C-alpha atoms as a PDB file:
ATOM      1  CA  UNK A   1      43.824  40.070 -66.542  1.00  0.00           C
ATOM      2  CA  UNK A   2      43.268  42.838 -69.135  1.00  0.00           C
ATOM      3  CA  UNK A   3      40.036  41.165 -70.254  1.00  0.00           C
ATOM      4  CA  UNK A   4      38.871  40.839 -66.647  1.00  0.00           C
ATOM      5  CA  UNK A   5      39.636  44.488 -66.051  1.00  0.00           C
ATOM      6  CA  UNK A   6      37.675  45.512 -69.114  1.00  0.00           C
ATOM      7  CA  UNK A   7      34.713  43.444 -67.989  1.00  0.00           C
ATOM      8  CA  UNK A   8      34.870  44.963 -64.525  1.00  0.00           C
ATOM      9  CA  UNK A   9      35.031  48.427 -66.045  1.00  0.00           C
ATOM     10  CA  UNK A  10      31.955  47.740 -68.123  1.00  0.00           C
ATOM     11  CA  UNK A  11      29.961  46.492 -65.171  1.00  0.00           C
ATOM     12  CA  UNK A  12      30.800  49.263 -62.705  1.00  0.00           C
ATOM     13  CA  UNK A  13      28.502  51.999 -64.097  1.00  0.00           C
ATOM     14  CA  UNK A  14      25.498  49.664 -64.040  1.00  0.00           C
ATOM     15  CA  UNK A  15      26.182  48.834 -60.408  1.00  0.00           C
ATOM     16  CA  UNK A  16      26.548  52.504 -59.580  1.00  0.00           C
ATOM     17  CA  UNK A  17      23.270  53.338 -61.242  1.00  0.00           C
ATOM     18  CA  UNK A  18      21.539  50.539 -59.315  1.00  0.00           C
ATOM     19  CA  UNK A  19      22.965  51.702 -56.015  1.00  0.00           C
ATOM     20  CA  UNK A  20      21.823  55.254 -56.709  1.00  0.00           C
ATOM     21  CA  UNK A  21      18.171  54.254 -57.076  1.00  0.00           C
ATOM     22  CA  UNK A  22      15.931  54.342 -53.950  1.00  0.00           C
ATOM     23  CA  UNK A  23      14.710  50.969 -52.719  1.00  0.00           C
ATOM     24  CA  UNK A  24      11.008  50.442 -53.379  1.00  0.00           C
ATOM     25  CA  UNK A  25       8.966  50.672 -50.168  1.00  0.00           C
ATOM     26  CA  UNK A  26       8.081  47.266 -48.792  1.00  0.00           C
ATOM     27  CA  UNK A  27       4.359  46.627 -48.908  1.00  0.00           C
ATOM     28  CA  UNK A  28       2.833  46.372 -45.440  1.00  0.00           C
ATOM     29  CA  UNK A  29       0.755  43.386 -44.401  1.00  0.00           C
ATOM     30  CA  UNK A  30      -2.659  45.076 -44.551  1.00  0.00           C
ATOM     31  CA  UNK A  31      -2.009  47.663 -47.258  1.00  0.00           C
ATOM     32  CA  UNK A  32      -5.274  48.555 -49.008  1.00  0.00           C
ATOM     33  CA  UNK A  33      -7.523  47.309 -46.193  1.00  0.00           C
ATOM     34  CA  UNK A  34      -9.740  49.557 -44.049  1.00  0.00           C
ATOM     35  CA  UNK A  35     -11.221  49.429 -40.551  1.00  0.00           C
ATOM     36  CA  UNK A  36     -14.125  51.597 -39.381  1.00  0.00           C
ATOM     37  CA  UNK A  37     -14.144  52.017 -35.604  1.00  0.00           C
ATOM     38  CA  UNK A  38     -16.486  53.790 -33.188  1.00  0.00           C
ATOM     39  CA  UNK A  39     -14.999  55.139 -29.961  1.00  0.00           C
ATOM     40  CA  UNK A  40     -16.335  57.099 -27.001  1.00  0.00           C
ATOM     41  CA  UNK A  41     -15.364  60.770 -27.262  1.00  0.00           C
ATOM     42  CA  UNK A  42     -13.773  60.758 -23.819  1.00  0.00           C
ATOM     43  CA  UNK A  43     -11.011  58.498 -25.152  1.00  0.00           C
ATOM     44  CA  UNK A  44     -10.179  60.533 -28.256  1.00  0.00           C
ATOM     45  CA  UNK A  45      -6.525  61.299 -27.496  1.00  0.00           C
ATOM     46  CA  UNK A  46      -5.253  57.835 -26.513  1.00  0.00           C
ATOM     47  CA  UNK A  47      -7.313  55.905 -29.016  1.00  0.00           C
ATOM     48  CA  UNK A  48      -6.356  58.102 -31.959  1.00  0.00           C
ATOM     49  CA  UNK A  49      -2.716  57.405 -31.094  1.00  0.00           C
ATOM     50  CA  UNK A  50      -3.419  53.680 -30.970  1.00  0.00           C
ATOM     51  CA  UNK A  51      -5.222  53.799 -34.325  1.00  0.00           C
ATOM     52  CA  UNK A  52      -2.366  55.788 -35.879  1.00  0.00           C
ATOM     53  CA  UNK A  53       0.231  53.339 -34.529  1.00  0.00           C
ATOM     54  CA  UNK A  54      -1.668  50.357 -35.963  1.00  0.00           C
ATOM     55  CA  UNK A  55      -2.021  52.077 -39.329  1.00  0.00           C
ATOM     56  CA  UNK A  56       1.696  52.931 -39.433  1.00  0.00           C
ATOM     57  CA  UNK A  57       2.670  49.346 -38.596  1.00  0.00           C
ATOM     58  CA  UNK A  58       0.288  47.475 -40.878  1.00  0.00           C
ATOM     59  CA  UNK A  59      -0.699  49.889 -43.650  1.00  0.00           C
ATOM     60  CA  UNK A  60      -4.383  49.364 -42.821  1.00  0.00           C
ATOM     61  CA  UNK A  61      -6.410  52.582 -43.032  1.00  0.00           C
ATOM     62  CA  UNK A  62      -8.222  53.209 -39.725  1.00  0.00           C
ATOM     63  CA  UNK A  63     -11.239  55.529 -39.727  1.00  0.00           C
ATOM     64  CA  UNK A  64     -12.381  56.406 -36.188  1.00  0.00           C
ATOM     65  CA  UNK A  65     -15.693  58.038 -35.333  1.00  0.00           C
ATOM     66  CA  UNK A  66     -15.610  59.701 -31.899  1.00  0.00           C
ATOM     67  CA  UNK A  67     -18.983  60.471 -30.320  1.00  0.00           C
ATOM     68  CA  UNK A  68     -21.025  59.888 -27.203  1.00  0.00           C
ATOM     69  CA  UNK A  69     -22.445  56.434 -26.556  1.00  0.00           C
ATOM     70  CA  UNK A  70     -26.011  57.203 -27.635  1.00  0.00           C
ATOM     71  CA  UNK A  71     -24.861  58.622 -30.973  1.00  0.00           C
ATOM     72  CA  UNK A  72     -22.675  55.579 -31.644  1.00  0.00           C
ATOM     73  CA  UNK A  73     -25.387  53.114 -30.663  1.00  0.00           C
ATOM     74  CA  UNK A  74     -27.833  54.809 -33.036  1.00  0.00           C
ATOM     75  CA  UNK A  75     -25.318  54.753 -35.872  1.00  0.00           C
ATOM     76  CA  UNK A  76     -24.593  51.054 -35.405  1.00  0.00           C
ATOM     77  CA  UNK A  77     -28.245  50.027 -35.295  1.00  0.00           C
ATOM     78  CA  UNK A  78     -29.362  52.207 -38.198  1.00  0.00           C
ATOM     79  CA  UNK A  79     -26.458  51.667 -40.599  1.00  0.00           C
ATOM     80  CA  UNK A  80     -25.468  48.141 -39.512  1.00  0.00           C
ATOM     81  CA  UNK A  81     -21.911  49.072 -40.432  1.00  0.00           C
ATOM     82  CA  UNK A  82     -18.607  49.238 -38.577  1.00  0.00           C
ATOM     83  CA  UNK A  83     -15.903  46.896 -37.331  1.00  0.00           C
ATOM     84  CA  UNK A  84     -15.330  47.814 -33.653  1.00  0.00           C
ATOM     85  CA  UNK A  85     -16.965  49.769 -30.843  1.00  0.00           C
ATOM     86  CA  UNK A  86     -14.577  50.953 -28.129  1.00  0.00           C
ATOM     87  CA  UNK A  87     -17.092  51.835 -25.416  1.00  0.00           C
ATOM     88  CA  UNK A  88     -16.728  53.878 -22.246  1.00  0.00           C
ATOM     89  CA  UNK A  89     -18.076  50.937 -20.251  1.00  0.00           C
ATOM     90  CA  UNK A  90     -19.478  47.466 -20.814  1.00  0.00           C
ATOM     91  CA  UNK A  91     -22.953  48.850 -20.056  1.00  0.00           C
ATOM     92  CA  UNK A  92     -22.835  50.809 -23.316  1.00  0.00           C
ATOM     93  CA  UNK A  93     -22.713  47.573 -25.312  1.00  0.00           C
ATOM     94  CA  UNK A  94     -26.101  46.375 -24.074  1.00  0.00           C
ATOM     95  CA  UNK A  95     -28.222  48.477 -26.487  1.00  0.00           C
ATOM     96  CA  UNK A  96     -26.226  47.041 -29.408  1.00  0.00           C
ATOM     97  CA  UNK A  97     -25.588  43.536 -28.068  1.00  0.00           C
ATOM     98  CA  UNK A  98     -27.172  41.998 -31.172  1.00  0.00           C
ATOM     99  CA  UNK A  99     -24.313  43.515 -33.172  1.00  0.00           C
ATOM    100  CA  UNK A 100     -21.480  42.412 -30.855  1.00  0.00           C
ATOM    101  CA  UNK A 101     -19.526  39.389 -32.065  1.00  0.00           C
ATOM    102  CA  UNK A 102     -16.937  39.351 -29.247  1.00  0.00           C
ATOM    103  CA  UNK A 103     -15.878  41.707 -26.462  1.00  0.00           C
ATOM    104  CA  UNK A 104     -12.513  42.030 -24.700  1.00  0.00           C
ATOM    105  CA  UNK A 105     -11.819  44.143 -21.610  1.00  0.00           C
ATOM    106  CA  UNK A 106      -8.964  46.599 -22.098  1.00  0.00           C
ATOM    107  CA  UNK A 107      -8.421  49.214 -19.387  1.00  0.00           C
ATOM    108  CA  UNK A 108     -10.092  50.666 -16.312  1.00  0.00           C
ATOM    109  CA  UNK A 109     -12.189  53.771 -16.844  1.00  0.00           C
ATOM    110  CA  UNK A 110     -11.848  55.758 -13.632  1.00  0.00           C
ATOM    111  CA  UNK A 111     -14.292  58.558 -12.710  1.00  0.00           C
ATOM    112  CA  UNK A 112     -12.989  61.378 -10.527  1.00  0.00           C
ATOM    113  CA  UNK A 113     -14.225  64.529  -8.866  1.00  0.00           C
ATOM    114  CA  UNK A 114     -12.460  67.464 -10.507  1.00  0.00           C
ATOM    115  CA  UNK A 115     -12.265  71.168  -9.659  1.00  0.00           C
ATOM    116  CA  UNK A 116     -10.659  74.281 -11.141  1.00  0.00           C
ATOM    117  CA  UNK A 117      -7.025  74.792 -10.178  1.00  0.00           C
ATOM    118  CA  UNK A 118      -6.795  76.247  -6.694  1.00  0.00           C
ATOM    119  CA  UNK A 119     -10.137  74.661  -5.764  1.00  0.00           C
ATOM    120  CA  UNK A 120     -11.784  78.040  -4.938  1.00  0.00           C
ATOM    121  CA  UNK A 121     -14.829  76.404  -3.300  1.00  0.00           C
ATOM    122  CA  UNK A 122     -12.686  74.030  -1.168  1.00  0.00           C
ATOM    123  CA  UNK A 123     -14.489  70.947  -2.465  1.00  0.00           C
ATOM    124  CA  UNK A 124     -13.144  67.874  -0.651  1.00  0.00           C
ATOM    125  CA  UNK A 125     -15.810  65.336  -1.637  1.00  0.00           C
ATOM    126  CA  UNK A 126     -19.283  64.859  -3.046  1.00  0.00           C
ATOM    127  CA  UNK A 127     -20.932  66.146   0.144  1.00  0.00           C
ATOM    128  CA  UNK A 128     -19.430  69.583  -0.462  1.00  0.00           C
ATOM    129  CA  UNK A 129     -21.348  69.905  -3.721  1.00  0.00           C
ATOM    130  CA  UNK A 130     -24.470  70.747  -1.714  1.00  0.00           C
ATOM    131  CA  UNK A 131     -23.138  74.296  -1.431  1.00  0.00           C
ATOM    132  CA  UNK A 132     -21.951  74.641  -5.037  1.00  0.00           C
ATOM    133  CA  UNK A 133     -23.452  77.074  -7.514  1.00  0.00           C
ATOM    134  CA  UNK A 134     -22.542  75.097 -10.639  1.00  0.00           C
ATOM    135  CA  UNK A 135     -21.633  71.408 -10.983  1.00  0.00           C
ATOM    136  CA  UNK A 136     -20.754  69.924 -14.372  1.00  0.00           C
ATOM    137  CA  UNK A 137     -21.831  66.391 -15.288  1.00  0.00           C
ATOM    138  CA  UNK A 138     -22.273  64.410 -18.467  1.00  0.00           C
ATOM    139  CA  UNK A 139     -25.724  63.852 -19.914  1.00  0.00           C
ATOM    140  CA  UNK A 140     -27.027  60.804 -17.990  1.00  0.00           C
ATOM    141  CA  UNK A 141     -29.160  59.786 -20.967  1.00  0.00           C
ATOM    142  CA  UNK A 142     -26.305  59.572 -23.468  1.00  0.00           C
ATOM    143  CA  UNK A 143     -22.898  59.329 -21.756  1.00  0.00           C
ATOM    144  CA  UNK A 144     -21.355  56.749 -19.391  1.00  0.00           C
ATOM    145  CA  UNK A 145     -19.805  59.468 -17.223  1.00  0.00           C
ATOM    146  CA  UNK A 146     -23.195  61.146 -16.945  1.00  0.00           C
ATOM    147  CA  UNK A 147     -24.814  57.920 -15.771  1.00  0.00           C
ATOM    148  CA  UNK A 148     -22.082  57.511 -13.176  1.00  0.00           C
ATOM    149  CA  UNK A 149     -22.561  61.087 -11.954  1.00  0.00           C
ATOM    150  CA  UNK A 150     -26.310  60.599 -11.549  1.00  0.00           C
ATOM    151  CA  UNK A 151     -25.830  57.295  -9.758  1.00  0.00           C
ATOM    152  CA  UNK A 152     -23.138  58.632  -7.411  1.00  0.00           C
ATOM    153  CA  UNK A 153     -24.973  61.853  -6.591  1.00  0.00           C
ATOM    154  CA  UNK A 154     -28.249  59.980  -6.084  1.00  0.00           C
ATOM    155  CA  UNK A 155     -26.590  57.602  -3.621  1.00  0.00           C
ATOM    156  CA  UNK A 156     -25.093  60.635  -1.869  1.00  0.00           C
ATOM    157  CA  UNK A 157     -28.608  62.119  -1.587  1.00  0.00           C
ATOM    158  CA  UNK A 158     -27.723  65.114  -3.747  1.00  0.00           C
ATOM    159  CA  UNK A 159     -29.028  64.582  -7.277  1.00  0.00           C
ATOM    160  CA  UNK A 160     -32.629  65.714  -6.763  1.00  0.00           C
ATOM    161  CA  UNK A 161     -31.713  68.770  -4.693  1.00  0.00           C
ATOM    162  CA  UNK A 162     -29.010  69.887  -7.131  1.00  0.00           C
ATOM    163  CA  UNK A 163     -31.418  69.450 -10.034  1.00  0.00           C
ATOM    164  CA  UNK A 164     -34.146  71.375  -8.223  1.00  0.00           C
ATOM    165  CA  UNK A 165     -31.731  74.210  -7.489  1.00  0.00           C
ATOM    166  CA  UNK A 166     -30.614  74.290 -11.129  1.00  0.00           C
ATOM    167  CA  UNK A 167     -27.009  73.684 -10.064  1.00  0.00           C
ATOM    168  CA  UNK A 168     -26.289  70.842 -12.493  1.00  0.00           C
ATOM    169  CA  UNK A 169     -25.055  71.623 -16.010  1.00  0.00           C
ATOM    170  CA  UNK A 170     -24.844  68.698 -18.423  1.00  0.00           C
ATOM    171  CA  UNK A 171     -22.503  68.179 -21.373  1.00  0.00           C
ATOM    172  CA  UNK A 172     -22.563  65.734 -24.267  1.00  0.00           C
ATOM    173  CA  UNK A 173     -18.973  64.506 -23.784  1.00  0.00           C
ATOM    174  CA  UNK A 174     -16.593  64.128 -20.828  1.00  0.00           C
ATOM    175  CA  UNK A 175     -13.751  66.310 -22.215  1.00  0.00           C
ATOM    176  CA  UNK A 176     -16.133  69.283 -22.289  1.00  0.00           C
ATOM    177  CA  UNK A 177     -16.416  69.082 -18.500  1.00  0.00           C
ATOM    178  CA  UNK A 178     -12.663  69.314 -17.912  1.00  0.00           C
ATOM    179  CA  UNK A 179     -12.344  72.150 -20.421  1.00  0.00           C
ATOM    180  CA  UNK A 180     -15.115  74.149 -18.741  1.00  0.00           C
ATOM    181  CA  UNK A 181     -13.583  73.662 -15.291  1.00  0.00           C
ATOM    182  CA  UNK A 182     -10.174  74.779 -16.574  1.00  0.00           C
ATOM    183  CA  UNK A 183     -11.881  77.944 -17.838  1.00  0.00           C
ATOM    184  CA  UNK A 184     -13.430  78.576 -14.415  1.00  0.00           C
ATOM    185  CA  UNK A 185     -16.939  77.759 -15.619  1.00  0.00           C
ATOM    186  CA  UNK A 186     -17.970  75.623 -12.667  1.00  0.00           C
ATOM    187  CA  UNK A 187     -17.213  74.739  -9.053  1.00  0.00           C
ATOM    188  CA  UNK A 188     -16.670  71.015  -9.678  1.00  0.00           C
ATOM    189  CA  UNK A 189     -17.455  68.195 -12.059  1.00  0.00           C
ATOM    190  CA  UNK A 190     -17.460  64.433 -12.344  1.00  0.00           C
ATOM    191  CA  UNK A 191     -15.250  63.366 -15.226  1.00  0.00           C
ATOM    192  CA  UNK A 192     -12.929  60.571 -16.369  1.00  0.00           C
ATOM    193  CA  UNK A 193      -9.452  60.635 -14.845  1.00  0.00           C
ATOM    194  CA  UNK A 194      -7.700  60.869 -18.230  1.00  0.00           C
ATOM    195  CA  UNK A 195      -9.615  64.030 -19.160  1.00  0.00           C
ATOM    196  CA  UNK A 196      -8.034  65.977 -16.282  1.00  0.00           C
ATOM    197  CA  UNK A 197      -4.862  67.413 -17.778  1.00  0.00           C
ATOM    198  CA  UNK A 198      -3.102  70.741 -17.818  1.00  0.00           C
ATOM    199  CA  UNK A 199      -2.704  73.314 -15.075  1.00  0.00           C
ATOM    200  CA  UNK A 200      -6.263  74.643 -15.084  1.00  0.00           C
ATOM    201  CA  UNK A 201      -8.006  71.679 -13.461  1.00  0.00           C
ATOM    202  CA  UNK A 202      -7.144  69.128 -10.776  1.00  0.00           C
ATOM    203  CA  UNK A 203      -8.468  65.937  -9.219  1.00  0.00           C
ATOM    204  CA  UNK A 204      -9.899  65.963  -5.687  1.00  0.00           C
ATOM    205  CA  UNK A 205      -8.357  63.211  -3.566  1.00  0.00           C
ATOM    206  CA  UNK A 206     -11.498  61.429  -2.374  1.00  0.00           C
ATOM    207  CA  UNK A 207     -12.703  57.794  -2.363  1.00  0.00           C
ATOM    208  CA  UNK A 208     -16.283  58.882  -3.121  1.00  0.00           C
ATOM    209  CA  UNK A 209     -16.202  57.532  -6.692  1.00  0.00           C
ATOM    210  CA  UNK A 210     -14.098  54.396  -6.158  1.00  0.00           C
ATOM    211  CA  UNK A 211     -17.167  52.165  -6.358  1.00  0.00           C
ATOM    212  CA  UNK A 212     -18.010  53.483  -9.828  1.00  0.00           C
ATOM    213  CA  UNK A 213     -14.881  52.460 -11.751  1.00  0.00           C
ATOM    214  CA  UNK A 214     -15.815  50.951 -15.135  1.00  0.00           C
ATOM    215  CA  UNK A 215     -14.006  48.878 -17.758  1.00  0.00           C
ATOM    216  CA  UNK A 216     -13.364  49.922 -21.362  1.00  0.00           C
ATOM    217  CA  UNK A 217     -14.236  47.025 -23.702  1.00  0.00           C
ATOM    218  CA  UNK A 218     -13.238  46.484 -27.295  1.00  0.00           C
ATOM    219  CA  UNK A 219     -16.255  45.019 -29.073  1.00  0.00           C
ATOM    220  CA  UNK A 220     -15.830  43.445 -32.498  1.00  0.00           C
ATOM    221  CA  UNK A 221     -19.075  43.933 -34.405  1.00  0.00           C
ATOM    222  CA  UNK A 222     -20.960  41.328 -36.391  1.00  0.00           C
ATOM    223  CA  UNK A 223     -20.898  43.668 -39.387  1.00  0.00           C
ATOM    224  CA  UNK A 224     -17.077  43.688 -39.486  1.00  0.00           C
ATOM    225  CA  UNK A 225     -15.994  43.431 -43.134  1.00  0.00           C
ATOM    226  CA  UNK A 226     -12.491  41.965 -43.148  1.00  0.00           C
ATOM    227  CA  UNK A 227     -11.550  39.026 -40.931  1.00  0.00           C
ATOM    228  CA  UNK A 228      -7.809  39.486 -41.416  1.00  0.00           C
ATOM    229  CA  UNK A 229      -7.856  43.181 -40.492  1.00  0.00           C
ATOM    230  CA  UNK A 230     -10.150  42.732 -37.486  1.00  0.00           C
ATOM    231  CA  UNK A 231      -8.018  39.876 -36.153  1.00  0.00           C
ATOM    232  CA  UNK A 232      -4.846  41.927 -36.556  1.00  0.00           C
ATOM    233  CA  UNK A 233      -6.352  44.918 -34.751  1.00  0.00           C
ATOM    234  CA  UNK A 234      -7.655  42.776 -31.888  1.00  0.00           C
ATOM    235  CA  UNK A 235      -4.161  41.367 -31.459  1.00  0.00           C
ATOM    236  CA  UNK A 236      -2.574  44.832 -31.661  1.00  0.00           C
ATOM    237  CA  UNK A 237      -4.745  46.020 -28.768  1.00  0.00           C
ATOM    238  CA  UNK A 238      -2.990  43.422 -26.593  1.00  0.00           C
ATOM    239  CA  UNK A 239       0.545  44.562 -27.439  1.00  0.00           C
ATOM    240  CA  UNK A 240       2.905  46.585 -25.259  1.00  0.00           C
ATOM    241  CA  UNK A 241       2.730  49.379 -27.847  1.00  0.00           C
ATOM    242  CA  UNK A 242      -1.007  49.784 -27.217  1.00  0.00           C
ATOM    243  CA  UNK A 243      -0.739  49.379 -23.440  1.00  0.00           C
ATOM    244  CA  UNK A 244       1.993  52.022 -23.274  1.00  0.00           C
ATOM    245  CA  UNK A 245      -0.262  54.539 -25.012  1.00  0.00           C
ATOM    246  CA  UNK A 246      -3.127  53.863 -22.609  1.00  0.00           C
ATOM    247  CA  UNK A 247      -0.748  54.172 -19.635  1.00  0.00           C
ATOM    248  CA  UNK A 248       0.630  57.489 -20.887  1.00  0.00           C
ATOM    249  CA  UNK A 249      -2.885  58.928 -20.516  1.00  0.00           C
ATOM    250  CA  UNK A 250      -3.414  57.581 -17.005  1.00  0.00           C
ATOM    251  CA  UNK A 251      -5.379  54.425 -17.782  1.00  0.00           C
ATOM    252  CA  UNK A 252      -4.798  51.269 -15.763  1.00  0.00           C
ATOM    253  CA  UNK A 253      -4.733  47.856 -17.388  1.00  0.00           C
ATOM    254  CA  UNK A 254      -7.571  45.539 -16.376  1.00  0.00           C
END
């Protein structure tokens, strides 16, 4: 018994020292790997959260470039680099279709008519824009929301007259429209639903833009570098964690 006690006494300090040391951090599945992703600027807030969540879970570094569709398309075709393109609509994949390996629909991209809080011009629908002094829209040559605005206002018989009267002001990204309206810098604007947030801007309850709802696709590019990382990210986009982030920003699952 004395010998056993002595042995136990000798071993105790070593155990104590071991217990006092911090456990080494477990290596994550994709530690050291990198993904380069392009994403439409209108989806900056939700997609950055999704990218951060994937990085935290897997250890994969995610670099996201946010820009308008035309800028992203040019970058893909000139550099022939990148792993994914999260586009504002499926139409934005057409100019780079030679670089698209696969495409998966994610969420609905819903355009809305927005006005400053209080709606000082009493805008109830697109028809009321005929009396507006300033209407904000995206650039129809470079942004999905701008193309929608031109299409919707053309079908409403307003585009040409608003252009001729110098009423239309274009922006390069959708969030700029909501920000300007919140600052009182326009009577109304056509913007994505998720960009309308805060007390300074509100959505007009009208069905005028219901026919122009688009779908956000996730396109894996042919120039993707790492098959394991791209597969893991594609799968992550289908998880409840990703869906919950989209939903928190007002997106609806396809």
